[in-house]
Protein backbone atom coordinates (compact mmCIF):
# COMPACT_ATOMS: atom_id res chain seq x y z
CA MET A 1 26.98 22.60 7.83
CA THR A 2 26.42 20.45 4.72
CA GLU A 3 23.58 17.95 4.41
CA LEU A 4 26.04 15.06 4.55
CA HIS A 5 27.52 16.25 7.83
CA LYS A 6 24.31 16.77 9.75
CA THR A 7 24.04 14.77 12.95
CA ARG A 8 21.08 12.58 13.78
CA GLN A 9 19.79 15.15 16.25
CA ASP A 10 20.14 17.98 13.69
CA VAL A 11 18.05 16.06 11.21
CA GLN A 12 15.48 14.99 13.79
CA ASP A 13 14.98 18.56 14.96
CA ALA A 14 14.37 19.64 11.35
CA VAL A 15 11.71 17.00 10.65
CA PRO A 16 8.13 17.88 11.65
CA HIS A 17 6.18 15.35 13.68
CA HIS A 18 2.56 14.73 12.72
CA PRO A 19 0.65 12.93 15.47
CA GLY A 20 -2.59 14.40 14.10
CA HIS A 21 -6.18 13.99 15.33
CA VAL A 22 -8.08 10.86 14.34
CA THR A 23 -11.82 10.94 14.95
CA PRO A 24 -12.90 7.61 16.52
CA ARG A 25 -14.79 5.57 13.92
CA LYS A 26 -15.65 1.94 13.43
CA PRO A 27 -13.05 -0.03 11.43
CA LYS A 28 -13.73 -0.14 7.71
CA ALA A 29 -12.32 -2.18 4.83
CA THR A 30 -10.26 -0.27 2.29
CA ARG A 31 -12.23 -2.01 -0.49
CA ASP A 32 -15.42 -0.41 0.85
CA ALA A 33 -13.83 3.03 0.69
CA TYR A 34 -12.79 2.28 -2.89
CA GLY A 35 -16.33 1.42 -3.96
CA GLU A 36 -17.72 4.58 -2.39
CA THR A 37 -15.05 6.85 -3.85
CA LEU A 38 -15.27 5.35 -7.34
CA LEU A 39 -19.02 6.00 -7.32
CA GLU A 40 -18.52 9.64 -6.29
CA LEU A 41 -15.87 10.14 -8.95
CA GLY A 42 -18.20 8.65 -11.53
CA LYS A 43 -20.87 11.21 -10.67
CA ARG A 44 -18.46 14.07 -11.34
CA ARG A 45 -16.46 12.66 -14.23
CA PRO A 46 -18.13 11.02 -17.24
CA ASP A 47 -14.71 9.89 -18.54
CA ILE A 48 -14.32 7.37 -15.72
CA VAL A 49 -15.27 3.77 -16.51
CA ALA A 50 -14.96 0.59 -14.46
CA LEU A 51 -14.13 -3.00 -15.35
CA ASP A 52 -14.29 -6.13 -13.22
CA ALA A 53 -13.60 -9.84 -13.62
CA ASP A 54 -16.86 -11.21 -12.22
CA LEU A 55 -16.05 -10.14 -8.65
CA SER A 56 -17.76 -6.75 -8.46
CA GLY A 57 -19.61 -7.67 -5.27
CA SER A 58 -16.33 -8.36 -3.52
CA THR A 59 -14.27 -5.54 -5.03
CA LYS A 60 -17.19 -3.12 -4.43
CA THR A 61 -17.31 -1.88 -8.03
CA ALA A 62 -20.92 -3.13 -8.04
CA ARG A 63 -21.97 0.25 -6.66
CA PHE A 64 -20.56 1.98 -9.73
CA ALA A 65 -22.17 -0.66 -11.96
CA ARG A 66 -25.66 -0.02 -10.56
CA GLU A 67 -25.36 3.75 -10.99
CA PHE A 68 -23.59 3.75 -14.37
CA PRO A 69 -24.42 0.50 -16.22
CA ASP A 70 -23.28 1.99 -19.55
CA ARG A 71 -19.83 2.70 -18.09
CA PHE A 72 -19.31 -0.64 -16.36
CA PHE A 73 -17.91 -3.73 -18.05
CA ASN A 74 -18.08 -7.16 -16.41
CA MET A 75 -15.44 -9.07 -18.33
CA GLY A 76 -16.17 -12.40 -16.66
CA VAL A 77 -13.40 -14.66 -15.42
CA ALA A 78 -11.07 -13.27 -18.07
CA GLU A 79 -8.55 -11.03 -16.34
CA GLN A 80 -6.22 -10.84 -19.33
CA ASP A 81 -9.05 -9.66 -21.55
CA MET A 82 -10.02 -7.13 -18.88
CA ILE A 83 -6.56 -5.55 -18.91
CA GLY A 84 -6.41 -5.39 -22.71
CA THR A 85 -9.87 -3.81 -22.84
CA ALA A 86 -8.91 -1.30 -20.15
CA ALA A 87 -5.87 -0.28 -22.19
CA GLY A 88 -8.07 0.20 -25.26
CA LEU A 89 -10.51 2.35 -23.30
CA ALA A 90 -7.61 4.46 -22.03
CA LEU A 91 -6.38 5.01 -25.59
CA ALA A 92 -9.92 6.13 -26.46
CA GLY A 93 -9.74 8.86 -23.81
CA LYS A 94 -11.44 7.13 -20.92
CA VAL A 95 -10.00 6.67 -17.40
CA PRO A 96 -10.51 2.96 -16.68
CA PHE A 97 -10.43 1.44 -13.20
CA ALA A 98 -9.92 -2.31 -13.56
CA SER A 99 -10.51 -4.42 -10.47
CA THR A 100 -10.35 -8.00 -9.26
CA PHE A 101 -8.50 -9.85 -6.50
CA ALA A 102 -4.82 -8.94 -6.22
CA VAL A 103 -3.61 -12.48 -6.88
CA PHE A 104 -5.54 -12.63 -10.18
CA GLU A 105 -4.91 -9.11 -11.39
CA THR A 106 -1.15 -9.12 -10.98
CA GLY A 107 -0.45 -12.80 -11.61
CA ARG A 108 -2.89 -14.06 -14.22
CA ALA A 109 -2.74 -10.87 -16.30
CA TRP A 110 0.92 -9.91 -15.76
CA ASP A 111 1.90 -10.13 -19.43
CA GLN A 112 -0.98 -7.88 -20.47
CA ILE A 113 -0.11 -5.39 -17.73
CA ARG A 114 3.52 -5.40 -18.85
CA LEU A 115 2.82 -4.77 -22.53
CA ALA A 116 -0.63 -3.18 -22.91
CA VAL A 117 -0.38 -0.99 -19.80
CA CYS A 118 3.23 -0.31 -18.82
CA TYR A 119 5.16 -0.64 -22.07
CA SER A 120 2.45 1.36 -23.83
CA ASN A 121 2.20 3.72 -20.83
CA THR A 122 -1.58 3.74 -20.98
CA ASN A 123 -3.67 5.56 -18.40
CA VAL A 124 -5.02 2.44 -16.68
CA LYS A 125 -5.78 2.25 -12.95
CA LEU A 126 -5.43 -1.23 -11.50
CA VAL A 127 -7.20 -1.37 -8.14
CA ALA A 128 -6.94 -4.83 -6.63
CA THR A 129 -8.62 -6.02 -3.45
CA HIS A 130 -7.95 -9.02 -1.18
CA GLY A 131 -4.21 -8.48 -0.93
CA GLY A 132 -2.07 -10.21 1.71
CA VAL A 133 -2.66 -12.93 4.29
CA THR A 134 -5.68 -11.20 5.85
CA VAL A 135 -7.73 -12.60 2.98
CA GLY A 136 -7.95 -15.31 5.63
CA GLU A 137 -9.73 -18.61 5.20
CA ASP A 138 -9.52 -18.56 1.37
CA GLY A 139 -5.93 -19.71 1.78
CA ALA A 140 -2.76 -19.62 -0.29
CA SER A 141 -4.45 -19.67 -3.70
CA HIS A 142 -6.10 -16.31 -2.95
CA GLN A 143 -3.47 -14.62 -0.76
CA ALA A 144 -1.32 -12.36 -2.92
CA LEU A 145 2.09 -12.05 -1.26
CA GLU A 146 4.15 -11.17 -4.33
CA ASP A 147 1.92 -8.65 -6.12
CA ILE A 148 3.80 -5.55 -5.00
CA ALA A 149 7.06 -7.06 -6.25
CA LEU A 150 5.48 -7.90 -9.61
CA MET A 151 4.10 -4.41 -10.10
CA ARG A 152 7.10 -2.53 -8.69
CA ALA A 153 9.41 -4.17 -11.20
CA LEU A 154 7.50 -2.74 -14.17
CA PRO A 155 8.63 0.59 -15.68
CA ASN A 156 6.04 3.41 -15.61
CA MET A 157 4.00 1.73 -12.85
CA MET A 158 3.15 3.59 -9.62
CA VAL A 159 2.43 1.33 -6.61
CA ILE A 160 0.23 2.46 -3.70
CA VAL A 161 -0.83 0.59 -0.54
CA PRO A 162 -3.20 2.74 1.59
CA ALA A 163 -3.24 2.34 5.37
CA ASP A 164 -6.96 2.82 6.03
CA ALA A 165 -10.29 3.78 4.49
CA SER A 166 -9.67 7.53 4.62
CA GLU A 167 -6.30 7.24 2.89
CA THR A 168 -7.87 4.94 0.31
CA ALA A 169 -10.52 7.53 -0.56
CA SER A 170 -7.89 10.25 -0.89
CA ALA A 171 -5.57 8.02 -2.89
CA ILE A 172 -8.25 6.92 -5.37
CA SER A 173 -9.12 10.56 -6.05
CA ALA A 174 -5.45 11.34 -6.66
CA VAL A 175 -5.05 8.29 -8.88
CA ALA A 176 -7.94 9.45 -11.08
CA ASP A 177 -6.02 12.68 -11.76
CA HIS A 178 -2.64 11.03 -12.30
CA LYS A 179 -1.62 10.34 -15.89
CA GLY A 180 -0.17 6.88 -16.29
CA PRO A 181 -0.39 3.33 -14.94
CA VAL A 182 -1.13 2.86 -11.23
CA TYR A 183 -1.50 -0.22 -9.05
CA VAL A 184 -3.47 0.26 -5.82
CA ARG A 185 -3.50 -2.67 -3.39
CA LEU A 186 -6.47 -2.95 -1.02
CA GLY A 187 -7.61 -5.48 1.59
CA ARG A 188 -10.58 -7.62 2.47
CA ALA A 189 -10.78 -7.15 6.24
CA LYS A 190 -12.00 -4.12 8.16
CA VAL A 191 -9.11 -2.04 9.52
CA PRO A 192 -8.91 0.83 12.04
CA TYR A 193 -8.61 4.45 10.99
CA VAL A 194 -5.04 5.63 11.60
CA MET A 195 -4.51 8.69 9.41
CA PRO A 196 -5.29 12.19 10.78
CA ASP A 197 -8.58 13.78 9.81
CA ASP A 198 -6.86 16.53 7.80
CA TYR A 199 -4.58 14.15 5.89
CA ARG A 200 -4.54 14.28 2.10
CA PHE A 201 -2.71 11.66 0.08
CA THR A 202 0.04 12.91 -2.24
CA PRO A 203 1.56 10.38 -4.68
CA GLY A 204 5.17 9.66 -3.84
CA LYS A 205 5.07 11.26 -0.37
CA ALA A 206 5.32 9.37 2.90
CA PHE A 207 3.54 10.49 6.06
CA VAL A 208 5.73 10.92 9.14
CA PHE A 209 4.03 10.31 12.45
CA HIS A 210 7.37 10.55 14.27
CA ILE A 211 11.03 9.75 13.58
CA GLY A 212 12.62 7.96 16.53
CA LYS A 213 16.23 8.21 17.64
CA ASP A 214 16.39 4.52 18.58
CA ALA A 215 14.21 3.04 15.84
CA THR A 216 11.71 3.97 13.16
CA ILE A 217 9.15 1.56 11.68
CA ILE A 218 8.43 2.17 8.00
CA ALA A 219 5.12 0.50 7.21
CA ALA A 220 2.42 0.25 4.56
CA GLY A 221 -1.19 -0.90 4.47
CA ILE A 222 -2.63 -2.60 7.55
CA MET A 223 0.85 -2.72 9.09
CA VAL A 224 0.75 1.03 9.80
CA ASP A 225 -1.76 0.48 12.61
CA ILE A 226 0.26 -2.45 13.92
CA ALA A 227 3.45 -0.38 13.72
CA LYS A 228 1.85 2.42 15.74
CA LYS A 229 0.87 -0.05 18.46
CA ALA A 230 4.41 -1.45 18.55
CA ALA A 231 5.92 2.04 18.73
CA GLU A 232 3.65 2.92 21.64
CA ILE A 233 4.82 -0.16 23.55
CA LEU A 234 8.49 0.51 22.81
CA SER A 235 8.29 4.21 23.64
CA GLY A 236 6.62 3.31 26.92
CA GLU A 237 9.70 1.26 27.72
CA GLY A 238 12.04 4.14 26.97
CA ILE A 239 12.92 3.14 23.41
CA ASP A 240 12.25 6.20 21.20
CA THR A 241 10.44 4.64 18.23
CA GLY A 242 8.94 6.42 15.25
CA VAL A 243 6.46 5.40 12.54
CA VAL A 244 6.34 6.39 8.88
CA ASN A 245 3.49 5.46 6.53
CA MET A 246 5.19 4.70 3.20
CA SER A 247 1.93 4.21 1.29
CA THR A 248 3.55 4.94 -2.07
CA ILE A 249 6.04 2.14 -2.53
CA LYS A 250 6.92 3.29 -6.05
CA PRO A 251 8.13 5.95 -6.49
CA LEU A 252 9.69 5.75 -3.03
CA ASP A 253 9.87 8.94 -0.96
CA GLU A 254 13.66 8.99 -0.94
CA GLU A 255 13.94 12.33 0.84
CA THR A 256 11.96 11.14 3.85
CA LEU A 257 13.76 7.79 3.84
CA LEU A 258 17.13 9.55 3.99
CA ARG A 259 15.92 11.66 6.90
CA VAL A 260 14.91 8.54 8.76
CA ALA A 261 18.22 6.81 8.03
CA ARG A 262 20.21 9.81 9.27
CA THR A 263 18.18 10.04 12.47
CA SER A 264 17.35 6.49 13.58
CA ALA A 265 19.80 3.88 14.81
CA LEU A 266 17.54 1.16 13.38
CA ILE A 267 14.92 0.91 10.64
CA VAL A 268 12.24 -1.78 10.66
CA THR A 269 10.04 -2.27 7.61
CA ALA A 270 6.59 -3.82 8.06
CA GLU A 271 4.38 -5.07 5.25
CA GLU A 272 1.65 -7.63 4.58
CA HIS A 273 3.67 -9.09 1.73
CA SER A 274 6.74 -11.18 1.13
CA VAL A 275 9.90 -9.58 2.50
CA ILE A 276 11.30 -10.19 -0.99
CA GLY A 277 10.61 -7.45 -3.53
CA GLY A 278 8.11 -5.33 -1.61
CA LEU A 279 8.48 -2.40 0.78
CA GLY A 280 11.39 -3.96 2.66
CA GLY A 281 13.24 -4.75 -0.53
CA SER A 282 12.63 -1.27 -1.89
CA VAL A 283 13.92 0.40 1.29
CA CYS A 284 17.00 -1.83 1.45
CA GLU A 285 17.84 -1.30 -2.22
CA PHE A 286 17.80 2.46 -1.88
CA LEU A 287 19.60 2.71 1.44
CA SER A 288 22.34 0.24 0.51
CA GLU A 289 23.41 2.61 -2.26
CA ASN A 290 22.77 5.93 -0.55
CA HIS A 291 22.98 5.66 3.25
CA PRO A 292 23.62 2.14 4.60
CA VAL A 293 22.01 1.51 8.00
CA THR A 294 20.72 -1.51 9.88
CA VAL A 295 17.33 -2.62 8.51
CA ARG A 296 15.12 -5.43 9.76
CA ARG A 297 12.17 -6.64 7.67
CA ILE A 298 8.79 -7.75 9.02
CA GLY A 299 6.66 -9.69 6.55
CA VAL A 300 6.10 -13.15 5.11
CA ARG A 301 9.43 -14.95 4.72
CA ASP A 302 9.60 -16.69 1.35
CA THR A 303 6.64 -18.99 1.85
CA PHE A 304 3.02 -19.28 0.79
CA GLY A 305 0.11 -18.44 3.04
CA CYS A 306 -2.43 -20.86 4.46
CA SER A 307 -6.03 -20.89 5.61
CA GLY A 308 -6.90 -19.22 8.91
CA THR A 309 -8.38 -16.14 10.49
CA PRO A 310 -6.62 -12.86 9.73
CA ASP A 311 -5.40 -12.47 13.32
CA ASP A 312 -4.11 -16.03 13.49
CA LEU A 313 -2.27 -15.63 10.20
CA LEU A 314 -0.61 -12.40 11.29
CA LYS A 315 0.63 -14.28 14.36
CA ARG A 316 1.75 -17.29 12.34
CA TYR A 317 3.88 -15.19 10.00
CA GLY A 318 5.38 -12.94 12.68
CA MET A 319 3.57 -9.73 11.76
CA THR A 320 2.05 -8.59 15.07
CA ALA A 321 2.95 -5.59 17.22
CA GLY A 322 4.67 -7.99 19.60
CA ASP A 323 6.83 -9.33 16.77
CA ILE A 324 7.91 -5.80 15.86
CA VAL A 325 8.69 -5.05 19.52
CA GLU A 326 10.88 -8.13 19.80
CA THR A 327 12.62 -7.34 16.52
CA VAL A 328 13.57 -3.87 17.76
CA LYS A 329 14.72 -5.13 21.14
CA ASN A 330 16.82 -7.94 19.62
CA SER A 331 18.53 -5.62 17.14
CA GLY A 332 20.27 -3.40 19.67
């Protein structure tokens, strides 16, 4: 039997399920895990340096700054200068981690990222915090909803959106070893642990919790936890629903995506980002050319954010577990 002629059940039986064990822990912000991991990497690797645009207390690079003041550079409110300096440090043999809020890093300094980092293929690690609507009360000016699209469009750039603190720690360690530009998008709010205790992040590889016959939710970032809650509700109602953590949005794990498309009657993407140009766009682009299936996208629909609590904003923009449940039920 050729790969193209496999049935959905054949493919499903061949795909391992990874429910995994998750030790109960208090929710933790991915930005906190970044600060802790960067500090530990700095202790082991003298080539690692950090840059920030006057927001080190919020991005958590302040911990690195206190321990290694000679390897930390506060560039002030000058994000473009920060990116150019990071590229220069990379060319000098350092491994720079440049951090600020996602909306400033990807928007205000986009031209420098395009030319000094991606076109030049310099070994710069862009780790941005405060991505998505869960920035909360700071409102539209600080809620990056297009950053993944901006970074995904650039050649040579890898794009990663970790689901929780443990995946963030693993991803930052992997990013330090990767040669080339990387964009890591982190959040402000505390989020539950969802990844199994023995999980280790691998760039370009998705994590399959389960592939469902009726539907599979492909999620990234905080939406992985929400997707798992939705899948539990749907499965309890007899709708076999899977969840895949697609934390590397570029390069996309095409092999896993094809397995999902050949197994599930419906795919739902879930992201804390505009439905244009992010995870949903990436999935649809690939599948439309390789294995067309029905896809529904959960995310912000071509609008700006607004001020509010994280929970209220997720409800406002249709990004709750209940919204995913209704999407699956209404797509049959």
